[in-house]
Amino acid sequence: MDKKYRIIIAAGGTGGHIFPAIALAKKFKSDGHRVTIIATGNDLEKKIFAQEKIDAVYFESRFKDVSGFRKYISLLRPTSSDLFKFVKGFNPNLVLGMGGYASLDVCKTAGYIVEHEASEEHFMMYSEIKPYVVIHEQNSKAGRANRYISMWYARAVIEGFPGAFDWKTRFLQTSTDDLIFLGNPVRSEILDVKRYVRAYSEYSKNPRILVLGGSQGARSINYSIPEIVQKLSHKINIEVMHQTGEHDYDKICEMYKENGFSADVVPFIQDMAKAYEWADLVIGRSGAMTVSELSAIGMPSILIPYPHAMDNHQLFNARFLEKKKATVIINDKDLKSSHFSETIERIFLEDGILQDMGEAAFDETFVNACQNITQFCYEMIEKSPLVAPISGGFE
């Protein structure tokens, strides 16, 4: 690519916003563009960006520790002068907001930035040039911050799952020229996973379950699994790898020991690609990136949506795979029921189910998301860089 752009990615707060931002930042940089990420500076962000060797700057969010009506009042106040100076000094061609309140101030600030360019034909004619603001929504239900940005500042909106923005929000998106479903960008190491879905009865290898219990609000999953797999082990010689998170690790190790079942229990999985390659079935929450990764590699799953997620978005994320018959949804309140264990048993013992679920899960949209999103951003920059002509020059 001959043209080189200056790109700001606004992302932070949780891994669900951070990891897709990193995937896109790496792609933009590999294409030769200047990229920086603006985040809020929490410990998770600093740890991940340092590990990934990503250029990042930090501005504390005005919405930190603010809730309810006070959060809406904060929207009316101007953004910080330091953030304004940084964004204006960087002079971005594109600002890409990755959702959450971490991106709201950055996208809002970009809406205030105006550069002036003289016309080649008439030296006294000038045009206003604003950074092209694009937002990416990872979940199946758009969050409040992205809904707000899409109505006032974003020129283009990218959906991680189709239909994330409902008709009411679309009606109010007066500044938005384009809305398109391009999927969620998945880390390159995950895309390298080579899986060969197999029917349990056709192979001598024991069926393997990967339990992702280290995410937000996953304690109920952690506490239910040891007893369930112990009962299943009387019928199926299963193997289990269980990510618990730091807080539950000791307790879950003890529970497996009490149930007489030997599992590979870890607080955190460092090599997620290797874990996916090992597994035959994933059990976990239905965060946007989990669902996207399962789609990118064609992995069968049982998903338990976090019941307290904003706007119940995890349920809608899971339904994206359920409609394809690629997952079975279990309600959090049913984790102790026989239905949960019977579902696992049926997936492994009934001919063809595991293979059919894996084939149904695979979606090339998520394999190509990173490439397609960056290409879309380039097209948007070139499509409409000028906002409005100004006659008479500057005073």
Protein backbone atom coordinates (compact mmCIF):
# COMPACT_ATOMS: atom_id res chain seq x y z
CA MET A 1 0.00 0.00 0.00
CA ASP A 2 1.47 3.35 -1.12
CA LYS A 3 -0.47 5.66 1.18
CA LYS A 4 0.42 5.66 4.85
CA TYR A 5 -2.15 6.60 7.45
CA ARG A 6 -2.10 7.69 11.09
CA ILE A 7 -4.52 5.54 13.06
CA ILE A 8 -5.74 5.71 16.65
CA ILE A 9 -7.50 2.69 18.15
CA ALA A 10 -9.50 3.41 21.31
CA ALA A 11 -9.81 0.27 23.41
CA GLY A 12 -9.58 -0.82 27.01
CA GLY A 13 -11.33 -2.05 30.10
CA THR A 14 -11.63 -5.78 29.44
CA GLY A 15 -10.00 -8.43 27.28
CA GLY A 16 -13.08 -8.50 25.04
CA HIS A 17 -12.18 -5.00 23.84
CA ILE A 18 -8.39 -5.30 24.12
CA PHE A 19 -7.64 -8.48 22.14
CA PRO A 20 -9.50 -7.52 18.93
CA ALA A 21 -7.84 -4.10 19.13
CA ILE A 22 -4.42 -5.76 19.29
CA ALA A 23 -5.21 -7.97 16.29
CA LEU A 24 -6.20 -4.91 14.25
CA ALA A 25 -3.23 -2.82 15.46
CA LYS A 26 -0.82 -5.53 14.33
CA LYS A 27 -2.48 -5.70 10.90
CA PHE A 28 -2.44 -1.91 10.46
CA LYS A 29 1.25 -1.83 11.45
CA SER A 30 2.15 -4.68 9.11
CA ASP A 31 0.57 -2.63 6.31
CA GLY A 32 3.00 0.18 7.13
CA HIS A 33 0.74 2.60 8.99
CA ARG A 34 1.46 4.51 12.20
CA VAL A 35 -0.77 3.11 14.94
CA THR A 36 -1.27 3.84 18.61
CA ILE A 37 -3.84 2.56 21.08
CA ILE A 38 -5.46 4.87 23.60
CA ALA A 39 -6.63 3.07 26.74
CA THR A 40 -7.51 3.90 30.34
CA GLY A 41 -4.40 2.56 32.05
CA ASN A 42 -5.78 -0.24 34.22
CA ASP A 43 -3.46 -3.08 35.24
CA LEU A 44 -4.89 -5.55 32.70
CA GLU A 45 -4.34 -3.17 29.79
CA LYS A 46 -0.75 -2.38 30.77
CA LYS A 47 0.09 -6.07 31.22
CA ILE A 48 -1.38 -7.18 27.88
CA PHE A 49 -0.05 -4.28 25.80
CA ALA A 50 3.44 -4.76 27.28
CA GLN A 51 3.36 -8.49 26.48
CA GLU A 52 2.22 -7.81 22.93
CA LYS A 53 4.72 -4.92 22.46
CA ILE A 54 1.94 -2.57 21.38
CA ASP A 55 2.35 1.23 21.49
CA ALA A 56 -0.25 2.55 23.91
CA VAL A 57 -0.96 5.76 25.78
CA TYR A 58 -3.25 6.08 28.77
CA PHE A 59 -5.88 8.61 29.77
CA GLU A 60 -8.07 7.82 32.76
CA SER A 61 -11.73 7.46 31.80
CA ARG A 62 -14.14 10.06 33.16
CA PHE A 63 -16.63 7.25 33.60
CA LYS A 64 -14.53 5.21 36.02
CA ASP A 65 -16.45 4.55 39.25
CA VAL A 66 -19.39 6.57 37.90
CA SER A 67 -22.77 4.92 37.60
CA GLY A 68 -26.40 5.63 36.90
CA PHE A 69 -27.53 9.16 36.07
CA ARG A 70 -24.10 10.62 36.90
CA LYS A 71 -22.68 8.75 33.92
CA TYR A 72 -25.07 10.55 31.58
CA ILE A 73 -24.18 13.90 33.17
CA SER A 74 -20.52 13.13 32.47
CA LEU A 75 -21.34 12.85 28.76
CA LEU A 76 -22.24 16.54 28.71
CA ARG A 77 -18.88 17.66 30.05
CA PRO A 78 -16.01 18.30 27.62
CA THR A 79 -13.22 15.75 27.36
CA SER A 80 -9.85 16.43 28.98
CA SER A 81 -7.51 19.00 27.44
CA ASP A 82 -4.61 16.52 27.60
CA LEU A 83 -6.55 13.99 25.53
CA PHE A 84 -7.54 16.72 23.06
CA LYS A 85 -3.91 17.85 22.69
CA PHE A 86 -2.71 14.29 22.13
CA VAL A 87 -5.32 13.43 19.50
CA LYS A 88 -4.83 16.74 17.68
CA GLY A 89 -1.04 16.35 17.79
CA PHE A 90 -1.25 12.80 16.41
CA ASN A 91 -3.48 14.16 13.63
CA PRO A 92 -5.15 10.80 12.82
CA ASN A 93 -6.73 9.92 9.50
CA LEU A 94 -8.82 7.33 11.33
CA VAL A 95 -10.07 6.82 14.87
CA LEU A 96 -11.35 3.29 15.47
CA GLY A 97 -13.40 2.85 18.64
CA MET A 98 -13.62 -0.70 19.98
CA GLY A 99 -16.56 -0.14 22.34
CA GLY A 100 -16.93 0.45 26.04
CA TYR A 101 -16.54 3.75 27.84
CA ALA A 102 -12.77 3.55 27.22
CA SER A 103 -13.43 4.53 23.60
CA LEU A 104 -16.18 7.09 24.15
CA ASP A 105 -14.02 10.09 25.07
CA VAL A 106 -11.54 9.38 22.26
CA CYS A 107 -14.25 9.21 19.59
CA LYS A 108 -15.93 12.30 21.03
CA THR A 109 -12.62 14.18 21.00
CA ALA A 110 -12.01 13.18 17.38
CA GLY A 111 -15.34 14.79 16.54
CA TYR A 112 -13.96 18.12 17.74
CA ILE A 113 -10.69 17.91 15.79
CA VAL A 114 -10.70 19.88 12.56
CA GLU A 115 -7.76 20.33 10.23
CA HIS A 116 -7.88 22.73 7.28
CA GLU A 117 -6.66 21.98 3.81
CA ALA A 118 -6.28 24.55 1.03
CA SER A 119 -7.92 23.82 -2.31
CA GLU A 120 -5.46 23.20 -5.13
CA GLU A 121 -7.72 25.08 -7.55
CA HIS A 122 -8.60 28.07 -5.36
CA PHE A 123 -6.01 29.05 -2.78
CA MET A 124 -8.61 31.07 -0.84
CA MET A 125 -10.93 28.06 -0.58
CA TYR A 126 -10.43 25.67 2.32
CA SER A 127 -12.02 22.43 3.46
CA GLU A 128 -12.51 21.06 6.93
CA ILE A 129 -10.97 17.62 7.45
CA LYS A 130 -11.99 15.54 10.44
CA PRO A 131 -10.59 12.16 11.45
CA TYR A 132 -12.82 9.43 10.09
CA VAL A 133 -14.46 7.85 13.14
CA VAL A 134 -15.38 4.16 12.85
CA ILE A 135 -16.68 2.01 15.70
CA HIS A 136 -16.58 -1.74 16.07
CA GLU A 137 -19.15 -3.54 18.23
CA GLN A 138 -18.01 -6.97 19.42
CA ASN A 139 -21.28 -8.25 20.94
CA SER A 140 -24.61 -9.28 19.45
CA LYS A 141 -26.27 -6.38 21.31
CA ALA A 142 -24.56 -3.02 20.98
CA GLY A 143 -23.39 -1.49 24.26
CA ARG A 144 -24.49 1.91 25.51
CA ALA A 145 -21.23 3.65 24.65
CA ASN A 146 -21.25 2.41 21.05
CA ARG A 147 -24.93 3.26 20.64
CA TYR A 148 -24.15 6.82 21.75
CA ILE A 149 -21.06 7.16 19.54
CA SER A 150 -22.92 5.73 16.55
CA MET A 151 -25.61 8.40 16.86
CA TRP A 152 -23.33 11.42 17.19
CA TYR A 153 -19.76 10.82 16.05
CA ALA A 154 -19.25 7.63 14.00
CA ARG A 155 -19.22 7.82 10.23
CA ALA A 156 -19.21 4.04 9.91
CA VAL A 157 -20.23 1.13 12.15
CA ILE A 158 -18.86 -2.41 12.04
CA GLU A 159 -20.78 -5.27 13.67
CA GLY A 160 -19.04 -8.29 15.15
CA PHE A 161 -22.32 -10.20 14.88
CA PRO A 162 -25.17 -9.35 12.50
CA GLY A 163 -27.99 -7.23 13.89
CA ALA A 164 -26.06 -5.81 16.87
CA PHE A 165 -27.68 -2.41 16.35
CA ASP A 166 -31.46 -2.54 16.53
CA TRP A 167 -33.75 -0.55 14.26
CA LYS A 168 -34.25 2.25 16.82
CA THR A 169 -30.53 2.91 17.05
CA ARG A 170 -30.13 2.70 13.29
CA PHE A 171 -32.91 5.26 12.85
CA LEU A 172 -31.03 7.68 15.11
CA GLN A 173 -27.62 7.16 13.46
CA THR A 174 -27.77 10.47 11.65
CA SER A 175 -23.98 10.76 11.23
CA THR A 176 -23.42 7.19 10.02
CA ASP A 177 -22.88 6.51 6.32
CA ASP A 178 -22.15 2.79 6.50
CA LEU A 179 -23.14 -0.13 8.74
CA ILE A 180 -21.69 -3.53 7.93
CA PHE A 181 -21.19 -6.97 9.51
CA LEU A 182 -17.55 -8.02 9.23
CA GLY A 183 -17.12 -10.21 12.33
CA ASN A 184 -14.67 -9.96 15.22
CA PRO A 185 -10.91 -10.05 14.56
CA VAL A 186 -9.40 -13.21 16.04
CA ARG A 187 -5.79 -13.45 17.18
CA SER A 188 -3.49 -14.92 14.51
CA GLU A 189 -2.27 -17.71 16.81
CA ILE A 190 -5.88 -18.91 17.20
CA LEU A 191 -6.38 -18.90 13.44
CA ASP A 192 -3.38 -21.21 13.13
CA VAL A 193 -5.18 -23.94 15.11
CA LYS A 194 -5.56 -27.13 13.11
CA ARG A 195 -8.56 -29.12 14.26
CA TYR A 196 -9.84 -32.45 13.01
CA VAL A 197 -13.30 -33.00 14.41
CA ARG A 198 -13.94 -36.67 15.06
CA ALA A 199 -16.73 -38.89 16.23
CA TYR A 200 -15.90 -40.26 19.68
CA SER A 201 -16.76 -43.85 18.82
CA GLU A 202 -14.36 -43.91 15.86
CA TYR A 203 -11.18 -43.15 17.77
CA SER A 204 -9.28 -44.67 20.65
CA LYS A 205 -8.35 -41.27 22.12
CA ASN A 206 -10.49 -40.23 25.08
CA PRO A 207 -12.87 -37.30 24.44
CA ARG A 208 -11.47 -34.05 25.80
CA ILE A 209 -13.37 -31.20 27.44
CA LEU A 210 -11.92 -27.70 27.78
CA VAL A 211 -13.64 -25.74 30.56
CA LEU A 212 -13.18 -21.96 30.42
CA GLY A 213 -14.14 -20.90 33.91
CA GLY A 214 -11.77 -18.00 34.40
CA SER A 215 -13.96 -15.25 32.94
CA GLN A 216 -16.26 -12.76 34.66
CA GLY A 217 -18.89 -14.38 36.84
CA ALA A 218 -17.81 -17.94 36.02
CA ARG A 219 -17.76 -19.26 39.60
CA SER A 220 -21.01 -21.18 39.08
CA ILE A 221 -19.40 -23.02 36.14
CA ASN A 222 -16.26 -23.75 38.14
CA TYR A 223 -18.20 -25.20 41.06
CA SER A 224 -20.53 -27.39 38.99
CA ILE A 225 -18.04 -29.09 36.65
CA PRO A 226 -16.02 -31.35 39.05
CA GLU A 227 -19.11 -33.25 40.22
CA ILE A 228 -20.58 -33.53 36.71
CA VAL A 229 -17.44 -34.94 35.08
CA GLN A 230 -16.99 -37.37 37.95
CA LYS A 231 -20.45 -38.81 37.23
CA LEU A 232 -19.80 -38.85 33.48
CA SER A 233 -16.54 -40.71 33.98
CA HIS A 234 -18.53 -43.84 34.87
CA LYS A 235 -19.84 -43.88 31.27
CA ILE A 236 -17.13 -42.08 29.26
CA ASN A 237 -13.37 -41.99 29.73
CA ILE A 238 -13.19 -38.20 29.46
CA GLU A 239 -10.21 -35.92 29.95
CA VAL A 240 -10.66 -32.39 31.32
CA MET A 241 -8.59 -29.22 31.15
CA HIS A 242 -10.13 -26.61 33.45
CA GLN A 243 -9.21 -22.91 33.57
CA THR A 244 -10.49 -21.59 36.90
CA GLY A 245 -9.16 -18.06 37.31
CA GLU A 246 -6.90 -17.12 40.22
CA HIS A 247 -9.60 -16.82 42.91
CA ASP A 248 -11.15 -20.27 42.46
CA TYR A 249 -8.04 -22.29 41.65
CA ASP A 250 -7.35 -23.84 45.10
CA LYS A 251 -11.01 -24.62 45.75
CA ILE A 252 -11.55 -26.31 42.38
CA CYS A 253 -8.40 -28.42 42.78
CA GLU A 254 -9.80 -29.57 46.12
CA MET A 255 -13.22 -30.36 44.59
CA TYR A 256 -11.70 -32.55 41.89
CA LYS A 257 -9.69 -34.37 44.53
CA GLU A 258 -12.80 -34.93 46.66
CA ASN A 259 -14.63 -36.33 43.62
CA GLY A 260 -11.78 -38.65 42.77
CA PHE A 261 -11.29 -37.24 39.28
CA SER A 262 -7.90 -36.26 37.88
CA ALA A 263 -8.15 -33.07 35.79
CA ASP A 264 -5.60 -30.62 34.42
CA VAL A 265 -6.55 -27.56 36.49
CA VAL A 266 -4.86 -24.21 35.83
CA PRO A 267 -5.61 -20.65 36.97
CA PHE A 268 -4.99 -19.26 33.50
CA ILE A 269 -4.19 -20.84 30.13
CA GLN A 270 -1.16 -19.13 28.62
CA ASP A 271 -1.36 -20.85 25.22
CA MET A 272 -5.02 -20.71 24.23
CA ALA A 273 -4.33 -21.98 20.71
CA LYS A 274 -2.74 -25.15 22.06
CA ALA A 275 -5.70 -25.67 24.41
CA TYR A 276 -8.18 -25.37 21.54
CA GLU A 277 -6.16 -27.80 19.47
CA TRP A 278 -6.21 -30.29 22.35
CA ALA A 279 -9.97 -30.08 22.97
CA ASP A 280 -12.99 -31.76 21.40
CA LEU A 281 -15.63 -29.71 23.24
CA VAL A 282 -15.54 -26.31 24.96
CA ILE A 283 -17.70 -25.41 27.97
CA GLY A 284 -17.78 -21.78 29.07
CA ARG A 285 -19.40 -18.36 29.01
CA SER A 286 -20.44 -16.78 25.72
CA GLY A 287 -18.38 -13.63 25.59
CA ALA A 288 -18.00 -12.13 22.13
CA MET A 289 -14.41 -13.25 21.62
CA THR A 290 -15.05 -16.80 22.84
CA VAL A 291 -17.91 -17.18 20.36
CA SER A 292 -15.79 -15.62 17.61
CA GLU A 293 -12.86 -17.95 18.28
CA LEU A 294 -15.15 -20.99 18.31
CA SER A 295 -16.51 -19.82 14.94
CA ALA A 296 -13.07 -19.24 13.46
CA ILE A 297 -11.82 -22.75 14.26
CA GLY A 298 -15.07 -24.74 14.05
CA MET A 299 -15.23 -25.87 17.68
CA PRO A 300 -18.30 -27.60 19.21
CA SER A 301 -19.39 -26.07 22.48
CA ILE A 302 -21.80 -25.88 25.39
CA LEU A 303 -22.29 -22.23 26.31
CA ILE A 304 -23.62 -20.88 29.60
CA PRO A 305 -24.43 -17.16 29.12
CA TYR A 306 -23.54 -14.91 32.05
CA PRO A 307 -27.01 -14.03 33.38
CA HIS A 308 -26.05 -10.54 34.58
CA ALA A 309 -24.40 -9.31 31.37
CA MET A 310 -25.56 -5.88 30.18
CA ASP A 311 -28.69 -6.20 28.00
CA ASN A 312 -28.25 -10.00 28.32
CA HIS A 313 -25.80 -9.76 25.41
CA GLN A 314 -24.13 -13.10 26.19
CA LEU A 315 -27.38 -14.93 25.52
CA PHE A 316 -27.62 -13.29 22.10
CA ASN A 317 -23.96 -14.09 21.40
CA ALA A 318 -24.64 -17.76 22.15
CA ARG A 319 -27.74 -17.78 19.97
CA PHE A 320 -25.56 -16.89 16.98
CA LEU A 321 -24.09 -20.41 17.26
CA GLU A 322 -27.26 -22.08 18.53
CA LYS A 323 -29.14 -21.10 15.37
CA LYS A 324 -26.54 -23.03 13.40
CA LYS A 325 -26.82 -26.04 15.76
CA ALA A 326 -23.16 -25.48 16.65
CA THR A 327 -23.71 -25.13 20.40
CA VAL A 328 -26.12 -26.08 23.15
CA ILE A 329 -27.13 -23.29 25.54
CA ILE A 330 -27.46 -24.17 29.22
CA ASN A 331 -28.93 -21.60 31.58
CA ASP A 332 -26.79 -20.74 34.58
CA LYS A 333 -29.56 -21.87 36.95
CA ASP A 334 -29.55 -25.33 35.32
CA LEU A 335 -25.87 -26.13 35.87
CA LYS A 336 -26.69 -28.60 38.64
CA SER A 337 -29.45 -30.29 36.64
CA SER A 338 -29.25 -33.67 34.94
CA HIS A 339 -29.90 -31.89 31.62
CA PHE A 340 -26.35 -30.50 31.64
CA SER A 341 -24.62 -33.85 32.13
CA GLU A 342 -27.00 -35.58 29.73
CA THR A 343 -26.16 -33.00 27.06
CA ILE A 344 -22.43 -33.70 27.37
CA GLU A 345 -23.09 -37.44 27.24
CA ARG A 346 -25.28 -37.15 24.14
CA ILE A 347 -22.73 -35.01 22.27
CA PHE A 348 -20.00 -37.59 22.77
CA LEU A 349 -21.96 -40.82 22.43
CA GLU A 350 -24.44 -40.18 19.63
CA ASP A 351 -22.92 -40.74 16.20
CA GLY A 352 -22.08 -37.65 14.19
CA ILE A 353 -23.18 -34.96 16.65
CA LEU A 354 -19.70 -33.74 17.56
CA GLN A 355 -18.64 -33.56 13.93
CA ASP A 356 -21.86 -31.86 12.82
CA MET A 357 -21.52 -29.22 15.55
CA GLY A 358 -17.94 -28.46 14.56
CA GLU A 359 -18.78 -28.10 10.89
CA ALA A 360 -21.76 -25.87 11.73
CA ALA A 361 -19.64 -23.67 13.98
CA PHE A 362 -17.04 -22.82 11.35
CA ASP A 363 -17.59 -19.38 9.83
CA GLU A 364 -15.03 -17.90 7.45
CA THR A 365 -16.22 -14.39 8.31
CA PHE A 366 -14.22 -14.59 11.54
CA VAL A 367 -11.17 -16.06 9.81
CA ASN A 368 -11.06 -13.07 7.45
CA ALA A 369 -12.37 -10.42 9.87
CA CYS A 370 -9.04 -8.72 10.54
CA GLN A 371 -8.23 -8.36 6.84
CA ASN A 372 -11.75 -7.24 5.93
CA ILE A 373 -12.03 -4.69 8.76
CA THR A 374 -8.70 -3.02 7.95
CA GLN A 375 -9.57 -2.93 4.24
CA PHE A 376 -12.96 -1.40 5.05
CA CYS A 377 -11.25 1.27 7.17
CA TYR A 378 -8.91 2.18 4.30
CA GLU A 379 -11.88 2.50 1.97
CA MET A 380 -13.69 4.74 4.46
CA ILE A 381 -10.68 7.05 4.79
CA GLU A 382 -10.47 7.43 1.02
CA LYS A 383 -14.21 7.65 0.54
CA SER A 384 -14.97 10.91 2.28
CA PRO A 385 -12.11 12.78 3.92
CA LEU A 386 -13.71 16.20 3.45
CA VAL A 387 -16.51 17.30 5.72
CA ALA A 388 -17.49 20.72 4.41
CA PRO A 389 -16.02 23.46 2.20
CA ILE A 390 -15.21 26.80 3.77
CA SER A 391 -14.98 29.87 1.61
CA GLY A 392 -12.88 32.91 2.37
CA GLY A 393 -9.94 31.25 4.11
CA PHE A 394 -8.95 31.79 7.73
CA GLU A 395 -9.12 34.95 9.71
